[in-house]
C-alpha atoms as a PDB file:
ATOM      1  CA  UNK A   1      29.233 -14.333 -13.805  1.00  0.00           C
ATOM      2  CA  UNK A   2      30.928 -11.142 -12.686  1.00  0.00           C
ATOM      3  CA  UNK A   3      30.437  -7.838 -14.418  1.00  0.00           C
ATOM      4  CA  UNK A   4      33.558  -7.049 -16.434  1.00  0.00           C
ATOM      5  CA  UNK A   5      32.799  -3.496 -17.448  1.00  0.00           C
ATOM      6  CA  UNK A   6      32.674  -0.174 -15.722  1.00  0.00           C
ATOM      7  CA  UNK A   7      30.946   2.965 -16.845  1.00  0.00           C
ATOM      8  CA  UNK A   8      32.649   4.691 -19.764  1.00  0.00           C
ATOM      9  CA  UNK A   9      31.503   8.009 -18.300  1.00  0.00           C
ATOM     10  CA  UNK A  10      33.419   7.319 -15.075  1.00  0.00           C
ATOM     11  CA  UNK A  11      36.362   9.744 -15.079  1.00  0.00           C
ATOM     12  CA  UNK A  12      37.758   8.790 -11.678  1.00  0.00           C
ATOM     13  CA  UNK A  13      41.418   7.936 -11.436  1.00  0.00           C
ATOM     14  CA  UNK A  14      41.287   5.603  -8.427  1.00  0.00           C
ATOM     15  CA  UNK A  15      38.929   3.050  -6.913  1.00  0.00           C
ATOM     16  CA  UNK A  16      38.953   1.716  -3.359  1.00  0.00           C
ATOM     17  CA  UNK A  17      39.325  -1.993  -2.723  1.00  0.00           C
ATOM     18  CA  UNK A  18      35.682  -2.190  -1.613  1.00  0.00           C
ATOM     19  CA  UNK A  19      34.537  -0.614  -4.901  1.00  0.00           C
ATOM     20  CA  UNK A  20      36.723  -3.009  -6.880  1.00  0.00           C
ATOM     21  CA  UNK A  21      35.402  -5.919  -4.845  1.00  0.00           C
ATOM     22  CA  UNK A  22      31.815  -4.919  -5.635  1.00  0.00           C
ATOM     23  CA  UNK A  23      32.537  -4.360  -9.349  1.00  0.00           C
ATOM     24  CA  UNK A  24      34.124  -7.783  -9.737  1.00  0.00           C
ATOM     25  CA  UNK A  25      31.902  -9.715  -7.356  1.00  0.00           C
ATOM     26  CA  UNK A  26      34.955 -10.921  -5.434  1.00  0.00           C
ATOM     27  CA  UNK A  27      35.753 -10.584  -1.751  1.00  0.00           C
ATOM     28  CA  UNK A  28      38.122  -7.911  -0.489  1.00  0.00           C
ATOM     29  CA  UNK A  29      40.374 -10.693   0.804  1.00  0.00           C
ATOM     30  CA  UNK A  30      40.582 -12.150  -2.721  1.00  0.00           C
ATOM     31  CA  UNK A  31      41.446  -8.765  -4.270  1.00  0.00           C
ATOM     32  CA  UNK A  32      44.129  -8.233  -1.612  1.00  0.00           C
ATOM     33  CA  UNK A  33      45.567 -11.701  -2.298  1.00  0.00           C
ATOM     34  CA  UNK A  34      45.626 -11.138  -6.068  1.00  0.00           C
ATOM     35  CA  UNK A  35      47.335  -7.763  -5.553  1.00  0.00           C
ATOM     36  CA  UNK A  36      50.129  -9.561  -3.660  1.00  0.00           C
ATOM     37  CA  UNK A  37      50.434 -12.489  -6.077  1.00  0.00           C
ATOM     38  CA  UNK A  38      50.272 -10.805  -9.484  1.00  0.00           C
ATOM     39  CA  UNK A  39      52.981  -8.311 -10.397  1.00  0.00           C
ATOM     40  CA  UNK A  40      50.805  -6.745 -13.119  1.00  0.00           C
ATOM     41  CA  UNK A  41      48.733  -5.212 -10.325  1.00  0.00           C
ATOM     42  CA  UNK A  42      50.250  -2.070  -8.919  1.00  0.00           C
ATOM     43  CA  UNK A  43      47.722  -0.434  -6.603  1.00  0.00           C
ATOM     44  CA  UNK A  44      48.795   2.849  -5.043  1.00  0.00           C
ATOM     45  CA  UNK A  45      48.233   3.581  -1.386  1.00  0.00           C
ATOM     46  CA  UNK A  46      46.748   6.670   0.200  1.00  0.00           C
ATOM     47  CA  UNK A  47      48.019   8.314   3.405  1.00  0.00           C
ATOM     48  CA  UNK A  48      46.101   5.782   5.493  1.00  0.00           C
ATOM     49  CA  UNK A  49      47.713   2.878   3.615  1.00  0.00           C
ATOM     50  CA  UNK A  50      44.535   1.862   1.779  1.00  0.00           C
ATOM     51  CA  UNK A  51      44.964   0.360  -1.679  1.00  0.00           C
ATOM     52  CA  UNK A  52      43.801   2.498  -4.604  1.00  0.00           C
ATOM     53  CA  UNK A  53      43.282   0.804  -7.956  1.00  0.00           C
ATOM     54  CA  UNK A  54      43.430   2.447 -11.391  1.00  0.00           C
ATOM     55  CA  UNK A  55      41.391   1.506 -14.466  1.00  0.00           C
ATOM     56  CA  UNK A  56      44.506  -0.330 -15.669  1.00  0.00           C
ATOM     57  CA  UNK A  57      44.482  -2.345 -12.455  1.00  0.00           C
ATOM     58  CA  UNK A  58      40.782  -3.092 -13.018  1.00  0.00           C
ATOM     59  CA  UNK A  59      41.503  -4.429 -16.496  1.00  0.00           C
ATOM     60  CA  UNK A  60      44.274  -6.613 -15.111  1.00  0.00           C
ATOM     61  CA  UNK A  61      42.015  -7.819 -12.291  1.00  0.00           C
ATOM     62  CA  UNK A  62      39.378  -8.768 -14.854  1.00  0.00           C
ATOM     63  CA  UNK A  63      41.995 -10.735 -16.793  1.00  0.00           C
ATOM     64  CA  UNK A  64      43.051 -12.519 -13.619  1.00  0.00           C
ATOM     65  CA  UNK A  65      39.418 -13.245 -12.769  1.00  0.00           C
ATOM     66  CA  UNK A  66      38.783 -14.629 -16.254  1.00  0.00           C
ATOM     67  CA  UNK A  67      41.817 -16.893 -16.048  1.00  0.00           C
ATOM     68  CA  UNK A  68      41.130 -18.154 -12.525  1.00  0.00           C
ATOM     69  CA  UNK A  69      37.330 -18.362 -12.463  1.00  0.00           C
ATOM     70  CA  UNK A  70      36.267 -18.939 -16.062  1.00  0.00           C
ATOM     71  CA  UNK A  71      39.257 -20.860 -17.407  1.00  0.00           C
ATOM     72  CA  UNK A  72      39.914 -22.592 -14.065  1.00  0.00           C
ATOM     73  CA  UNK A  73      43.678 -21.997 -14.142  1.00  0.00           C
ATOM     74  CA  UNK A  74      45.841 -22.186 -11.035  1.00  0.00           C
ATOM     75  CA  UNK A  75      47.591 -19.058  -9.737  1.00  0.00           C
ATOM     76  CA  UNK A  76      50.824 -20.204 -11.400  1.00  0.00           C
ATOM     77  CA  UNK A  77      49.009 -21.035 -14.628  1.00  0.00           C
ATOM     78  CA  UNK A  78      47.394 -17.598 -14.673  1.00  0.00           C
ATOM     79  CA  UNK A  79      50.783 -15.930 -14.085  1.00  0.00           C
ATOM     80  CA  UNK A  80      52.265 -17.803 -17.030  1.00  0.00           C
ATOM     81  CA  UNK A  81      49.287 -17.029 -19.271  1.00  0.00           C
ATOM     82  CA  UNK A  82      49.414 -13.348 -18.336  1.00  0.00           C
ATOM     83  CA  UNK A  83      53.083 -13.105 -19.221  1.00  0.00           C
ATOM     84  CA  UNK A  84      52.693 -15.019 -22.501  1.00  0.00           C
ATOM     85  CA  UNK A  85      49.314 -13.970 -23.826  1.00  0.00           C
ATOM     86  CA  UNK A  86      48.483 -10.576 -22.362  1.00  0.00           C
ATOM     87  CA  UNK A  87      47.067  -9.111 -25.581  1.00  0.00           C
ATOM     88  CA  UNK A  88      44.929 -12.152 -26.380  1.00  0.00           C
ATOM     89  CA  UNK A  89      43.456 -12.156 -22.888  1.00  0.00           C
ATOM     90  CA  UNK A  90      42.729  -8.426 -23.089  1.00  0.00           C
ATOM     91  CA  UNK A  91      40.862  -8.936 -26.368  1.00  0.00           C
ATOM     92  CA  UNK A  92      38.777 -11.723 -24.850  1.00  0.00           C
ATOM     93  CA  UNK A  93      37.806  -9.494 -21.931  1.00  0.00           C
ATOM     94  CA  UNK A  94      36.836  -6.693 -24.312  1.00  0.00           C
ATOM     95  CA  UNK A  95      34.651  -9.111 -26.300  1.00  0.00           C
ATOM     96  CA  UNK A  96      32.997 -10.388 -23.109  1.00  0.00           C
ATOM     97  CA  UNK A  97      32.340  -6.798 -21.992  1.00  0.00           C
ATOM     98  CA  UNK A  98      30.791  -5.884 -25.361  1.00  0.00           C
ATOM     99  CA  UNK A  99      28.620  -9.011 -25.333  1.00  0.00           C
ATOM    100  CA  UNK A 100      27.397  -8.176 -21.817  1.00  0.00           C
ATOM    101  CA  UNK A 101      26.488  -4.662 -22.995  1.00  0.00           C
ATOM    102  CA  UNK A 102      24.591  -6.099 -25.992  1.00  0.00           C
ATOM    103  CA  UNK A 103      22.749  -8.551 -23.731  1.00  0.00           C
ATOM    104  CA  UNK A 104      21.777  -5.721 -21.385  1.00  0.00           C
ATOM    105  CA  UNK A 105      20.443  -3.625 -24.277  1.00  0.00           C
ATOM    106  CA  UNK A 106      18.511  -6.556 -25.727  1.00  0.00           C
ATOM    107  CA  UNK A 107      16.916  -7.262 -22.341  1.00  0.00           C
ATOM    108  CA  UNK A 108      15.927  -3.588 -22.055  1.00  0.00           C
ATOM    109  CA  UNK A 109      14.342  -3.724 -25.518  1.00  0.00           C
ATOM    110  CA  UNK A 110      12.557  -6.982 -24.678  1.00  0.00           C
ATOM    111  CA  UNK A 111      11.235  -5.521 -21.422  1.00  0.00           C
ATOM    112  CA  UNK A 112       9.968  -2.372 -23.163  1.00  0.00           C
ATOM    113  CA  UNK A 113       8.179  -4.474 -25.794  1.00  0.00           C
ATOM    114  CA  UNK A 114       6.559  -6.689 -23.161  1.00  0.00           C
ATOM    115  CA  UNK A 115       5.421  -3.707 -21.061  1.00  0.00           C
END
């Protein structure tokens, strides 16, 4: 499963498509496709024309990933769900992120006990 969170200490405003691809565990081609298909994504472009994603874009990409990969919706189904249930989907992503953080901490504790 992809990592849904990013560091809370990260104060950067923009992320390159390769960074976003690595964070989400998706290919650059997939991120580019989603940026064209979903109007909630509004990446900026630098002088070279490269896409630059904000933290808001990352949250929306995580929602799209959840809908397409985890809930197995089609592109059209995900578009409808995003427009109808944006807040509910955001809450689910936040819960998943918090659970992943808890799991990580528990594994660290378990590893320190077993050492």
